[in-house]
Amino acid sequence: MLEKTEYGQMVPQVSVIVPVYNALPYFDQCLRSLKKQTLENIQVILVDDGSTDGSSHVCDYVARDDSRFSVIHQKNSGQAIARNVGIDQARADYLMFVDADDYIGVDCCRRAYESVTKESADVGVFCFRRLPESATHTLKHGPIEGVKTRDKALELMTIGDVGSNIWNKIFAKQLFQDIRFPPNRVFEDQATTCKLIEKANKVVFIDKQLYFYRDNPHSTVNLSGATWEHRAKTYHDGFIATMEFNNCLQRHGISPDQHDNSRFMAWQALLYCLFHVSQYQGKLYKQAVQMLKDTRIRRGLGFKVVCAMLIARFNSTMFVFCCLIFEKFFKKR
């Protein structure tokens, strides 16, 4: 066990916010990675979101053992509110976010902090590896390491492995002055990240894997065995986030219909239509259908999505009818 460290009230260089909810199987690896950071002057804020599996006790133990760690207990309110609570308690000028079932490389905080401070950047973006180890994700589409303008950074966010995730980035705390994560939504970081980068003076990209993301079967976005209602809520939130992200890009003259983003757009629009066909006369549903019509058909979209796009373009009424058939046969499964 690591020795207890004492940093008193020294202002930390980085505040790391960790929402915790029933993460016990993976939590120890996450905590060890934070304790071993080569940048020692950090503040780690554990926000226990009403855990019932013993994770809350682990939080208390770690906070007693290492003065860099603090814990906040709250009733279950969701990941967005947990992150917002952590932001309010952060004392450093730079913030990072780590999910309790993931972990980071031992030099993650140091590399991220030194990169943004050296370049006087408001945001830093680094690579991540997807777990299990059979899947590897790094920054794609050529060498993009270095300092980028805000607009170039927004354009690069349409690349899947750079993306709008909150956890493979470091942010100047000042960016959060009037921005918080929207509560009671999944994919809550997608539009939030875009808004933060919108406010940044410049963004530095770090071509090194520093974050290790775990495909957790119990996460909020994993829908294996989920009810129809749960899926419908998830796909609603996903499409809302996609619309907000696209609006952000368009404000800066960037076409959302490019790179990996077009595939994500089409899928989110289709899933929303399939699970919300009862609202086919509503504004949001019509926007989803229009997105399917407008998204350029390209390699990699997938047979099902392309078929849906072609039907929507041929006849919107027929498309809605197909969605009704899908609902009738699959809602009770």
C-alpha atoms as a PDB file:
ATOM      1  CA  MET A   1       0.000   0.000   0.000  1.00  0.00           C
ATOM      2  CA  LEU A   2       1.240   3.475  -0.872  1.00  0.00           C
ATOM      3  CA  GLU A   3       2.218   5.736   2.009  1.00  0.00           C
ATOM      4  CA  LYS A   4      -0.179   8.426   2.999  1.00  0.00           C
ATOM      5  CA  THR A   5       0.770  11.702   1.298  1.00  0.00           C
ATOM      6  CA  GLU A   6       0.371  15.151   2.765  1.00  0.00           C
ATOM      7  CA  TYR A   7      -0.030  18.227   0.575  1.00  0.00           C
ATOM      8  CA  GLY A   8      -1.837  20.464   3.040  1.00  0.00           C
ATOM      9  CA  GLN A   9      -3.754  23.264   1.345  1.00  0.00           C
ATOM     10  CA  MET A  10      -1.301  23.634  -1.545  1.00  0.00           C
ATOM     11  CA  VAL A  11      -3.204  24.643  -4.699  1.00  0.00           C
ATOM     12  CA  PRO A  12      -3.274  21.565  -6.942  1.00  0.00           C
ATOM     13  CA  GLN A  13      -2.137  21.750 -10.541  1.00  0.00           C
ATOM     14  CA  VAL A  14      -4.932  19.472 -11.782  1.00  0.00           C
ATOM     15  CA  SER A  15      -8.287  18.497 -10.278  1.00  0.00           C
ATOM     16  CA  VAL A  16      -9.474  15.046 -11.365  1.00  0.00           C
ATOM     17  CA  ILE A  17     -13.216  14.419 -11.052  1.00  0.00           C
ATOM     18  CA  VAL A  18     -14.349  10.799 -10.713  1.00  0.00           C
ATOM     19  CA  PRO A  19     -18.093  10.007 -10.651  1.00  0.00           C
ATOM     20  CA  VAL A  20     -18.580   6.715  -8.805  1.00  0.00           C
ATOM     21  CA  TYR A  21     -21.620   4.466  -9.023  1.00  0.00           C
ATOM     22  CA  ASN A  22     -21.412   0.731  -8.256  1.00  0.00           C
ATOM     23  CA  ALA A  23     -17.972   0.433  -9.839  1.00  0.00           C
ATOM     24  CA  LEU A  24     -16.471  -2.033  -7.346  1.00  0.00           C
ATOM     25  CA  PRO A  25     -15.168  -4.672  -9.833  1.00  0.00           C
ATOM     26  CA  TYR A  26     -12.912  -2.116 -11.562  1.00  0.00           C
ATOM     27  CA  PHE A  27     -12.574   0.688  -9.004  1.00  0.00           C
ATOM     28  CA  ASP A  28      -9.320  -0.489  -7.452  1.00  0.00           C
ATOM     29  CA  GLN A  29      -7.461  -0.279 -10.772  1.00  0.00           C
ATOM     30  CA  CYS A  30      -8.806   3.224 -11.321  1.00  0.00           C
ATOM     31  CA  LEU A  31      -7.710   4.384  -7.849  1.00  0.00           C
ATOM     32  CA  ARG A  32      -4.248   2.840  -8.144  1.00  0.00           C
ATOM     33  CA  SER A  33      -3.671   4.636 -11.438  1.00  0.00           C
ATOM     34  CA  LEU A  34      -4.592   7.948  -9.813  1.00  0.00           C
ATOM     35  CA  LYS A  35      -2.410   7.339  -6.755  1.00  0.00           C
ATOM     36  CA  LYS A  36       0.624   6.549  -8.916  1.00  0.00           C
ATOM     37  CA  GLN A  37       0.482   9.722 -11.020  1.00  0.00           C
ATOM     38  CA  THR A  38       3.931  11.198 -11.684  1.00  0.00           C
ATOM     39  CA  LEU A  39       2.318  14.615 -11.259  1.00  0.00           C
ATOM     40  CA  GLU A  40       1.825  14.324  -7.523  1.00  0.00           C
ATOM     41  CA  ASN A  41       0.224  17.697  -6.824  1.00  0.00           C
ATOM     42  CA  ILE A  42      -3.292  16.751  -7.904  1.00  0.00           C
ATOM     43  CA  GLN A  43      -6.712  16.904  -6.315  1.00  0.00           C
ATOM     44  CA  VAL A  44      -8.909  13.842  -6.838  1.00  0.00           C
ATOM     45  CA  ILE A  45     -12.616  14.381  -6.183  1.00  0.00           C
ATOM     46  CA  LEU A  46     -14.586  11.145  -5.788  1.00  0.00           C
ATOM     47  CA  VAL A  47     -18.306  11.814  -6.166  1.00  0.00           C
ATOM     48  CA  ASP A  48     -20.177   8.796  -4.839  1.00  0.00           C
ATOM     49  CA  ASP A  49     -23.500   8.844  -6.663  1.00  0.00           C
ATOM     50  CA  GLY A  50     -25.443   6.683  -4.215  1.00  0.00           C
ATOM     51  CA  SER A  51     -23.474   3.458  -4.703  1.00  0.00           C
ATOM     52  CA  THR A  52     -24.940   0.313  -3.141  1.00  0.00           C
ATOM     53  CA  ASP A  53     -22.138  -2.193  -3.842  1.00  0.00           C
ATOM     54  CA  GLY A  54     -19.543  -0.990  -1.329  1.00  0.00           C
ATOM     55  CA  SER A  55     -17.872   1.547  -3.611  1.00  0.00           C
ATOM     56  CA  SER A  56     -18.809   4.322  -1.166  1.00  0.00           C
ATOM     57  CA  HIS A  57     -16.796   2.629   1.607  1.00  0.00           C
ATOM     58  CA  VAL A  58     -13.807   2.357  -0.709  1.00  0.00           C
ATOM     59  CA  CYS A  59     -14.093   6.094  -1.390  1.00  0.00           C
ATOM     60  CA  ASP A  60     -14.024   6.837   2.337  1.00  0.00           C
ATOM     61  CA  TYR A  61     -11.003   4.594   2.903  1.00  0.00           C
ATOM     62  CA  VAL A  62      -8.987   6.170   0.091  1.00  0.00           C
ATOM     63  CA  ALA A  63      -9.831   9.706   1.261  1.00  0.00           C
ATOM     64  CA  ARG A  64      -8.560   8.847   4.763  1.00  0.00           C
ATOM     65  CA  ASP A  65      -5.426   7.254   3.348  1.00  0.00           C
ATOM     66  CA  ASP A  66      -4.359   9.991   0.901  1.00  0.00           C
ATOM     67  CA  SER A  67      -5.039  13.686   1.526  1.00  0.00           C
ATOM     68  CA  ARG A  68      -5.111  14.413  -2.219  1.00  0.00           C
ATOM     69  CA  PHE A  69      -8.388  12.485  -2.365  1.00  0.00           C
ATOM     70  CA  SER A  70     -11.725  13.792  -1.132  1.00  0.00           C
ATOM     71  CA  VAL A  71     -15.147  12.186  -1.304  1.00  0.00           C
ATOM     72  CA  ILE A  72     -18.636  13.604  -1.718  1.00  0.00           C
ATOM     73  CA  HIS A  73     -21.611  11.348  -1.049  1.00  0.00           C
ATOM     74  CA  GLN A  74     -24.937  12.131  -2.707  1.00  0.00           C
ATOM     75  CA  LYS A  75     -28.136  10.313  -3.531  1.00  0.00           C
ATOM     76  CA  ASN A  76     -28.208   8.731  -6.970  1.00  0.00           C
ATOM     77  CA  SER A  77     -28.613  11.626  -9.393  1.00  0.00           C
ATOM     78  CA  GLY A  78     -26.743  10.545 -12.497  1.00  0.00           C
ATOM     79  CA  GLN A  79     -23.288  11.047 -13.928  1.00  0.00           C
ATOM     80  CA  ALA A  80     -23.920  14.590 -15.186  1.00  0.00           C
ATOM     81  CA  ILE A  81     -24.856  15.948 -11.759  1.00  0.00           C
ATOM     82  CA  ALA A  82     -21.967  14.033 -10.153  1.00  0.00           C
ATOM     83  CA  ARG A  83     -19.548  15.724 -12.547  1.00  0.00           C
ATOM     84  CA  ASN A  84     -21.134  19.117 -11.921  1.00  0.00           C
ATOM     85  CA  VAL A  85     -20.736  18.673  -8.169  1.00  0.00           C
ATOM     86  CA  GLY A  86     -17.086  17.820  -8.713  1.00  0.00           C
ATOM     87  CA  ILE A  87     -16.531  20.920 -10.847  1.00  0.00           C
ATOM     88  CA  ASP A  88     -17.918  23.095  -8.053  1.00  0.00           C
ATOM     89  CA  GLN A  89     -15.408  21.596  -5.595  1.00  0.00           C
ATOM     90  CA  ALA A  90     -12.359  21.725  -7.877  1.00  0.00           C
ATOM     91  CA  ARG A  91      -9.490  23.962  -6.714  1.00  0.00           C
ATOM     92  CA  ALA A  92      -7.061  23.598  -9.639  1.00  0.00           C
ATOM     93  CA  ASP A  93      -6.919  25.728 -12.767  1.00  0.00           C
ATOM     94  CA  TYR A  94      -7.198  22.606 -14.941  1.00  0.00           C
ATOM     95  CA  LEU A  95      -9.773  19.825 -14.786  1.00  0.00           C
ATOM     96  CA  MET A  96      -9.767  16.217 -15.941  1.00  0.00           C
ATOM     97  CA  PHE A  97     -12.488  13.569 -15.787  1.00  0.00           C
ATOM     98  CA  VAL A  98     -12.015   9.848 -15.181  1.00  0.00           C
ATOM     99  CA  ASP A  99     -14.795   7.254 -15.060  1.00  0.00           C
ATOM    100  CA  ALA A 100     -14.559   4.885 -12.106  1.00  0.00           C
ATOM    101  CA  ASP A 101     -14.450   1.773 -14.299  1.00  0.00           C
ATOM    102  CA  ASP A 102     -11.567   3.138 -16.413  1.00  0.00           C
ATOM    103  CA  TYR A 103      -7.987   4.014 -15.548  1.00  0.00           C
ATOM    104  CA  ILE A 104      -5.199   6.305 -16.753  1.00  0.00           C
ATOM    105  CA  GLY A 105      -1.496   5.941 -17.478  1.00  0.00           C
ATOM    106  CA  VAL A 106       0.862   6.915 -14.671  1.00  0.00           C
ATOM    107  CA  ASP A 107       2.040  10.030 -16.541  1.00  0.00           C
ATOM    108  CA  CYS A 108      -1.388  11.056 -17.831  1.00  0.00           C
ATOM    109  CA  CYS A 109      -1.871  14.103 -15.601  1.00  0.00           C
ATOM    110  CA  ARG A 110       1.720  15.262 -16.034  1.00  0.00           C
ATOM    111  CA  ARG A 111       1.766  14.952 -19.834  1.00  0.00           C
ATOM    112  CA  ALA A 112      -1.632  16.622 -20.171  1.00  0.00           C
ATOM    113  CA  TYR A 113      -0.818  19.438 -17.742  1.00  0.00           C
ATOM    114  CA  GLU A 114       2.633  20.170 -19.165  1.00  0.00           C
ATOM    115  CA  SER A 115       1.282  20.196 -22.727  1.00  0.00           C
ATOM    116  CA  VAL A 116      -1.462  22.756 -22.078  1.00  0.00           C
ATOM    117  CA  THR A 117       0.638  24.996 -19.845  1.00  0.00           C
ATOM    118  CA  LYS A 118       3.599  24.976 -22.246  1.00  0.00           C
ATOM    119  CA  GLU A 119       1.377  26.125 -25.116  1.00  0.00           C
ATOM    120  CA  SER A 120      -0.958  28.279 -22.976  1.00  0.00           C
ATOM    121  CA  ALA A 121      -3.839  26.206 -24.343  1.00  0.00           C
ATOM    122  CA  ASP A 122      -7.295  25.897 -22.794  1.00  0.00           C
ATOM    123  CA  VAL A 123      -7.812  22.273 -23.865  1.00  0.00           C
ATOM    124  CA  GLY A 124      -5.586  19.238 -24.348  1.00  0.00           C
ATOM    125  CA  VAL A 125      -6.643  16.059 -26.177  1.00  0.00           C
ATOM    126  CA  PHE A 126      -4.858  12.715 -25.826  1.00  0.00           C
ATOM    127  CA  CYS A 127      -5.227   9.198 -27.217  1.00  0.00           C
ATOM    128  CA  PHE A 128      -7.007   6.337 -25.518  1.00  0.00           C
ATOM    129  CA  ARG A 129      -7.049   2.582 -25.662  1.00  0.00           C
ATOM    130  CA  ARG A 130     -10.294   0.671 -25.589  1.00  0.00           C
ATOM    131  CA  LEU A 131     -10.459  -2.341 -23.282  1.00  0.00           C
ATOM    132  CA  PRO A 132     -10.440  -5.309 -23.659  1.00  0.00           C
ATOM    133  CA  GLU A 133      -6.992  -5.273 -25.185  1.00  0.00           C
ATOM    134  CA  SER A 134      -8.204  -6.838 -28.441  1.00  0.00           C
ATOM    135  CA  ALA A 135      -9.415  -3.410 -29.543  1.00  0.00           C
ATOM    136  CA  THR A 136      -6.953  -0.547 -29.892  1.00  0.00           C
ATOM    137  CA  HIS A 137      -7.910   3.052 -30.594  1.00  0.00           C
ATOM    138  CA  THR A 138      -5.482   5.847 -31.301  1.00  0.00           C
ATOM    139  CA  LEU A 139      -5.755   9.177 -33.049  1.00  0.00           C
ATOM    140  CA  LYS A 140      -6.461   8.471 -36.712  1.00  0.00           C
ATOM    141  CA  HIS A 141      -6.235  10.247 -40.043  1.00  0.00           C
ATOM    142  CA  GLY A 142      -2.566  11.143 -39.944  1.00  0.00           C
ATOM    143  CA  PRO A 143      -0.284  12.864 -37.472  1.00  0.00           C
ATOM    144  CA  ILE A 144      -2.346  15.525 -35.717  1.00  0.00           C
ATOM    145  CA  GLU A 145      -0.106  16.082 -32.728  1.00  0.00           C
ATOM    146  CA  GLY A 146       0.504  19.731 -31.938  1.00  0.00           C
ATOM    147  CA  VAL A 147      -1.389  22.971 -31.392  1.00  0.00           C
ATOM    148  CA  LYS A 148      -4.600  23.540 -33.339  1.00  0.00           C
ATOM    149  CA  THR A 149      -6.973  26.456 -33.651  1.00  0.00           C
ATOM    150  CA  ARG A 150     -10.417  26.175 -32.121  1.00  0.00           C
ATOM    151  CA  ASP A 151     -12.085  25.599 -35.503  1.00  0.00           C
ATOM    152  CA  LYS A 152      -9.572  22.937 -36.531  1.00  0.00           C
ATOM    153  CA  ALA A 153     -10.050  21.196 -33.193  1.00  0.00           C
ATOM    154  CA  LEU A 154     -13.826  21.188 -33.694  1.00  0.00           C
ATOM    155  CA  GLU A 155     -13.366  19.676 -37.138  1.00  0.00           C
ATOM    156  CA  LEU A 156     -11.093  16.972 -35.715  1.00  0.00           C
ATOM    157  CA  MET A 157     -13.815  16.102 -33.192  1.00  0.00           C
ATOM    158  CA  THR A 158     -15.735  14.530 -36.085  1.00  0.00           C
ATOM    159  CA  ILE A 159     -13.051  11.816 -36.103  1.00  0.00           C
ATOM    160  CA  GLY A 160     -14.346   8.956 -33.994  1.00  0.00           C
ATOM    161  CA  ASP A 161     -11.235   8.379 -31.898  1.00  0.00           C
ATOM    162  CA  VAL A 162     -10.702  12.061 -31.109  1.00  0.00           C
ATOM    163  CA  GLY A 163     -14.390  12.522 -30.549  1.00  0.00           C
ATOM    164  CA  SER A 164     -16.465  14.429 -28.066  1.00  0.00           C
ATOM    165  CA  ASN A 165     -15.690  12.257 -25.029  1.00  0.00           C
ATOM    166  CA  ILE A 166     -14.942  14.284 -21.922  1.00  0.00           C
ATOM    167  CA  TRP A 167     -12.458  11.816 -20.443  1.00  0.00           C
ATOM    168  CA  ASN A 168      -9.584  11.957 -22.979  1.00  0.00           C
ATOM    169  CA  LYS A 169      -9.112  15.681 -22.489  1.00  0.00           C
ATOM    170  CA  ILE A 170      -7.888  18.302 -20.019  1.00  0.00           C
ATOM    171  CA  PHE A 171      -9.705  21.638 -19.685  1.00  0.00           C
ATOM    172  CA  ALA A 172      -8.972  25.042 -18.214  1.00  0.00           C
ATOM    173  CA  LYS A 173     -11.446  25.457 -15.371  1.00  0.00           C
ATOM    174  CA  GLN A 174     -12.422  28.925 -16.601  1.00  0.00           C
ATOM    175  CA  LEU A 175     -14.213  27.297 -19.557  1.00  0.00           C
ATOM    176  CA  PHE A 176     -16.801  25.912 -17.111  1.00  0.00           C
ATOM    177  CA  GLN A 177     -17.768  29.339 -15.824  1.00  0.00           C
ATOM    178  CA  ASP A 178     -21.161  29.179 -17.536  1.00  0.00           C
ATOM    179  CA  ILE A 179     -21.202  25.562 -18.757  1.00  0.00           C
ATOM    180  CA  ARG A 180     -22.361  22.443 -16.946  1.00  0.00           C
ATOM    181  CA  PHE A 181     -23.353  18.931 -17.997  1.00  0.00           C
ATOM    182  CA  PRO A 182     -27.105  18.588 -18.723  1.00  0.00           C
ATOM    183  CA  PRO A 183     -28.718  16.444 -15.992  1.00  0.00           C
ATOM    184  CA  ASN A 184     -30.797  13.320 -16.535  1.00  0.00           C
ATOM    185  CA  ARG A 185     -29.294  12.596 -19.940  1.00  0.00           C
ATOM    186  CA  VAL A 186     -26.934  10.004 -21.362  1.00  0.00           C
ATOM    187  CA  PHE A 187     -24.359  11.159 -23.923  1.00  0.00           C
ATOM    188  CA  GLU A 188     -24.274  14.258 -21.732  1.00  0.00           C
ATOM    189  CA  ASP A 189     -20.640  14.943 -22.555  1.00  0.00           C
ATOM    190  CA  GLN A 190     -21.030  15.118 -26.332  1.00  0.00           C
ATOM    191  CA  ALA A 191     -22.507  18.593 -26.714  1.00  0.00           C
ATOM    192  CA  THR A 192     -20.795  19.815 -23.534  1.00  0.00           C
ATOM    193  CA  THR A 193     -17.333  19.059 -24.885  1.00  0.00           C
ATOM    194  CA  CYS A 194     -18.157  20.879 -28.107  1.00  0.00           C
ATOM    195  CA  LYS A 195     -19.259  23.983 -26.168  1.00  0.00           C
ATOM    196  CA  LEU A 196     -16.066  23.929 -24.119  1.00  0.00           C
ATOM    197  CA  ILE A 197     -13.839  23.751 -27.180  1.00  0.00           C
ATOM    198  CA  GLU A 198     -15.920  26.549 -28.730  1.00  0.00           C
ATOM    199  CA  LYS A 199     -14.671  28.794 -25.910  1.00  0.00           C
ATOM    200  CA  ALA A 200     -11.032  27.682 -26.087  1.00  0.00           C
ATOM    201  CA  ASN A 201      -8.284  29.927 -27.404  1.00  0.00           C
ATOM    202  CA  LYS A 202      -6.369  26.951 -28.778  1.00  0.00           C
ATOM    203  CA  VAL A 203      -6.218  23.182 -28.345  1.00  0.00           C
ATOM    204  CA  VAL A 204      -3.119  20.989 -28.065  1.00  0.00           C
ATOM    205  CA  PHE A 205      -3.200  17.382 -29.299  1.00  0.00           C
ATOM    206  CA  ILE A 206      -0.986  14.778 -27.606  1.00  0.00           C
ATOM    207  CA  ASP A 207      -0.292  11.683 -29.720  1.00  0.00           C
ATOM    208  CA  LYS A 208       0.102   9.296 -26.790  1.00  0.00           C
ATOM    209  CA  GLN A 209      -2.261   6.782 -25.220  1.00  0.00           C
ATOM    210  CA  LEU A 210      -2.937   8.070 -21.723  1.00  0.00           C
ATOM    211  CA  TYR A 211      -6.505   6.901 -21.042  1.00  0.00           C
ATOM    212  CA  PHE A 212      -7.813   3.333 -20.877  1.00  0.00           C
ATOM    213  CA  TYR A 213     -11.530   3.085 -21.557  1.00  0.00           C
ATOM    214  CA  ARG A 214     -13.400  -0.038 -20.494  1.00  0.00           C
ATOM    215  CA  ASP A 215     -16.412  -1.413 -22.347  1.00  0.00           C
ATOM    216  CA  ASN A 216     -18.433  -2.015 -19.198  1.00  0.00           C
ATOM    217  CA  PRO A 217     -21.547  -4.186 -19.732  1.00  0.00           C
ATOM    218  CA  HIS A 218     -23.223  -2.349 -16.835  1.00  0.00           C
ATOM    219  CA  SER A 219     -22.611   1.193 -18.080  1.00  0.00           C
ATOM    220  CA  THR A 220     -25.478   3.596 -18.806  1.00  0.00           C
ATOM    221  CA  VAL A 221     -24.944   3.371 -22.566  1.00  0.00           C
ATOM    222  CA  ASN A 222     -24.746  -0.424 -22.733  1.00  0.00           C
ATOM    223  CA  LEU A 223     -28.206  -1.616 -23.781  1.00  0.00           C
ATOM    224  CA  SER A 224     -27.766  -5.372 -23.652  1.00  0.00           C
ATOM    225  CA  GLY A 225     -31.034  -6.730 -22.237  1.00  0.00           C
ATOM    226  CA  ALA A 226     -32.493  -3.230 -21.854  1.00  0.00           C
ATOM    227  CA  THR A 227     -36.221  -2.594 -21.988  1.00  0.00           C
ATOM    228  CA  TRP A 228     -37.879  -0.824 -24.912  1.00  0.00           C
ATOM    229  CA  GLU A 229     -38.422   2.245 -22.711  1.00  0.00           C
ATOM    230  CA  HIS A 230     -34.771   2.366 -21.636  1.00  0.00           C
ATOM    231  CA  ARG A 231     -33.627   2.088 -25.239  1.00  0.00           C
ATOM    232  CA  ALA A 232     -36.073   4.784 -26.332  1.00  0.00           C
ATOM    233  CA  LYS A 233     -34.746   7.175 -23.660  1.00  0.00           C
ATOM    234  CA  THR A 234     -31.127   6.452 -24.614  1.00  0.00           C
ATOM    235  CA  TYR A 235     -31.755   6.942 -28.323  1.00  0.00           C
ATOM    236  CA  HIS A 236     -33.687  10.152 -27.625  1.00  0.00           C
ATOM    237  CA  ASP A 237     -30.779  11.559 -25.628  1.00  0.00           C
ATOM    238  CA  GLY A 238     -28.310  10.378 -28.257  1.00  0.00           C
ATOM    239  CA  PHE A 239     -30.136  12.168 -31.054  1.00  0.00           C
ATOM    240  CA  ILE A 240     -30.495  15.370 -29.000  1.00  0.00           C
ATOM    241  CA  ALA A 241     -26.741  15.318 -28.339  1.00  0.00           C
ATOM    242  CA  THR A 242     -26.068  14.724 -32.046  1.00  0.00           C
ATOM    243  CA  MET A 243     -28.204  17.728 -32.995  1.00  0.00           C
ATOM    244  CA  GLU A 244     -26.437  19.943 -30.445  1.00  0.00           C
ATOM    245  CA  PHE A 245     -23.037  18.760 -31.646  1.00  0.00           C
ATOM    246  CA  ASN A 246     -23.930  19.393 -35.290  1.00  0.00           C
ATOM    247  CA  ASN A 247     -25.305  22.851 -34.485  1.00  0.00           C
ATOM    248  CA  CYS A 248     -22.004  23.657 -32.793  1.00  0.00           C
ATOM    249  CA  LEU A 249     -20.054  22.604 -35.882  1.00  0.00           C
ATOM    250  CA  GLN A 250     -22.301  24.571 -38.206  1.00  0.00           C
ATOM    251  CA  ARG A 251     -21.831  27.745 -36.153  1.00  0.00           C
ATOM    252  CA  HIS A 252     -18.185  27.559 -37.195  1.00  0.00           C
ATOM    253  CA  GLY A 253     -18.792  26.732 -40.821  1.00  0.00           C
ATOM    254  CA  ILE A 254     -17.883  23.054 -40.416  1.00  0.00           C
ATOM    255  CA  SER A 255     -19.988  20.473 -42.238  1.00  0.00           C
ATOM    256  CA  PRO A 256     -21.080  17.757 -39.796  1.00  0.00           C
ATOM    257  CA  ASP A 257     -21.405  15.338 -42.719  1.00  0.00           C
ATOM    258  CA  GLN A 258     -17.763  14.272 -42.841  1.00  0.00           C
ATOM    259  CA  HIS A 259     -15.368  11.648 -41.544  1.00  0.00           C
ATOM    260  CA  ASP A 260     -16.734   9.245 -38.926  1.00  0.00           C
ATOM    261  CA  ASN A 261     -19.369  11.734 -37.792  1.00  0.00           C
ATOM    262  CA  SER A 262     -21.693  11.040 -40.738  1.00  0.00           C
ATOM    263  CA  ARG A 263     -22.008   7.381 -39.718  1.00  0.00           C
ATOM    264  CA  PHE A 264     -22.797   8.350 -36.118  1.00  0.00           C
ATOM    265  CA  MET A 265     -25.320  10.971 -37.288  1.00  0.00           C
ATOM    266  CA  ALA A 266     -27.175   8.509 -39.508  1.00  0.00           C
ATOM    267  CA  TRP A 267     -27.329   5.818 -36.832  1.00  0.00           C
ATOM    268  CA  GLN A 268     -28.561   8.209 -34.140  1.00  0.00           C
ATOM    269  CA  ALA A 269     -31.248   9.572 -36.469  1.00  0.00           C
ATOM    270  CA  LEU A 270     -32.410   6.088 -37.478  1.00  0.00           C
ATOM    271  CA  LEU A 271     -32.537   4.764 -33.908  1.00  0.00           C
ATOM    272  CA  TYR A 272     -34.527   7.784 -32.788  1.00  0.00           C
ATOM    273  CA  CYS A 273     -37.024   7.249 -35.628  1.00  0.00           C
ATOM    274  CA  LEU A 274     -37.424   3.540 -34.908  1.00  0.00           C
ATOM    275  CA  PHE A 275     -38.081   4.001 -31.191  1.00  0.00           C
ATOM    276  CA  HIS A 276     -40.184   7.188 -31.375  1.00  0.00           C
ATOM    277  CA  VAL A 277     -42.392   6.569 -34.398  1.00  0.00           C
ATOM    278  CA  SER A 278     -45.465   7.565 -32.349  1.00  0.00           C
ATOM    279  CA  GLN A 279     -44.103  11.113 -32.531  1.00  0.00           C
ATOM    280  CA  TYR A 280     -43.726  11.105 -36.322  1.00  0.00           C
ATOM    281  CA  GLN A 281     -45.600  14.393 -36.607  1.00  0.00           C
ATOM    282  CA  GLY A 282     -43.337  16.145 -34.117  1.00  0.00           C
ATOM    283  CA  LYS A 283     -40.545  18.573 -34.948  1.00  0.00           C
ATOM    284  CA  LEU A 284     -37.741  16.381 -33.596  1.00  0.00           C
ATOM    285  CA  TYR A 285     -38.900  13.336 -35.558  1.00  0.00           C
ATOM    286  CA  LYS A 286     -39.031  15.370 -38.743  1.00  0.00           C
ATOM    287  CA  GLN A 287     -35.509  16.612 -38.066  1.00  0.00           C
ATOM    288  CA  ALA A 288     -34.318  13.024 -37.691  1.00  0.00           C
ATOM    289  CA  VAL A 289     -35.909  12.023 -40.997  1.00  0.00           C
ATOM    290  CA  GLN A 290     -34.397  15.074 -42.669  1.00  0.00           C
ATOM    291  CA  MET A 291     -30.978  14.120 -41.302  1.00  0.00           C
ATOM    292  CA  LEU A 292     -31.323  10.693 -42.936  1.00  0.00           C
ATOM    293  CA  LYS A 293     -32.219  12.406 -46.199  1.00  0.00           C
ATOM    294  CA  ASP A 294     -29.382  14.915 -46.065  1.00  0.00           C
ATOM    295  CA  THR A 295     -26.519  12.700 -44.878  1.00  0.00           C
ATOM    296  CA  ARG A 296     -24.339  11.703 -47.784  1.00  0.00           C
ATOM    297  CA  ILE A 297     -24.348   7.975 -48.529  1.00  0.00           C
ATOM    298  CA  ARG A 298     -20.819   6.678 -48.276  1.00  0.00           C
ATOM    299  CA  ARG A 299     -18.870   3.514 -47.651  1.00  0.00           C
ATOM    300  CA  GLY A 300     -18.981   2.284 -44.072  1.00  0.00           C
ATOM    301  CA  LEU A 301     -22.506   3.426 -43.184  1.00  0.00           C
ATOM    302  CA  GLY A 302     -23.857  -0.121 -43.142  1.00  0.00           C
ATOM    303  CA  PHE A 303     -26.541  -1.840 -45.179  1.00  0.00           C
ATOM    304  CA  LYS A 304     -29.425  -1.178 -42.756  1.00  0.00           C
ATOM    305  CA  VAL A 305     -28.708   2.541 -42.481  1.00  0.00           C
ATOM    306  CA  VAL A 306     -28.327   2.965 -46.230  1.00  0.00           C
ATOM    307  CA  CYS A 307     -31.647   1.180 -46.821  1.00  0.00           C
ATOM    308  CA  ALA A 308     -33.356   3.479 -44.302  1.00  0.00           C
ATOM    309  CA  MET A 309     -31.813   6.538 -45.930  1.00  0.00           C
ATOM    310  CA  LEU A 310     -32.987   5.465 -49.382  1.00  0.00           C
ATOM    311  CA  ILE A 311     -36.539   4.767 -48.179  1.00  0.00           C
ATOM    312  CA  ALA A 312     -36.703   8.147 -46.399  1.00  0.00           C
ATOM    313  CA  ARG A 313     -35.558   9.895 -49.558  1.00  0.00           C
ATOM    314  CA  PHE A 314     -37.967   7.984 -51.763  1.00  0.00           C
ATOM    315  CA  ASN A 315     -41.080   8.395 -49.615  1.00  0.00           C
ATOM    316  CA  SER A 316     -41.275   9.754 -46.052  1.00  0.00           C
ATOM    317  CA  THR A 317     -44.681   8.142 -45.483  1.00  0.00           C
ATOM    318  CA  MET A 318     -43.309   4.741 -46.437  1.00  0.00           C
ATOM    319  CA  PHE A 319     -40.389   5.298 -44.069  1.00  0.00           C
ATOM    320  CA  VAL A 320     -42.754   6.004 -41.156  1.00  0.00           C
ATOM    321  CA  PHE A 321     -44.787   2.908 -42.084  1.00  0.00           C
ATOM    322  CA  CYS A 322     -41.620   0.769 -41.936  1.00  0.00           C
ATOM    323  CA  CYS A 323     -40.839   2.216 -38.493  1.00  0.00           C
ATOM    324  CA  LEU A 324     -44.358   1.319 -37.319  1.00  0.00           C
ATOM    325  CA  ILE A 325     -43.843  -2.258 -38.476  1.00  0.00           C
ATOM    326  CA  PHE A 326     -40.545  -2.392 -36.584  1.00  0.00           C
ATOM    327  CA  GLU A 327     -42.249  -1.128 -33.407  1.00  0.00           C
ATOM    328  CA  LYS A 328     -45.097  -3.636 -33.723  1.00  0.00           C
ATOM    329  CA  PHE A 329     -42.830  -6.665 -34.060  1.00  0.00           C
ATOM    330  CA  PHE A 330     -40.022  -5.712 -31.678  1.00  0.00           C
ATOM    331  CA  LYS A 331     -41.580  -3.699 -28.843  1.00  0.00           C
ATOM    332  CA  LYS A 332     -42.859  -6.780 -27.014  1.00  0.00           C
ATOM    333  CA  ARG A 333     -39.698  -8.850 -27.473  1.00  0.00           C
END
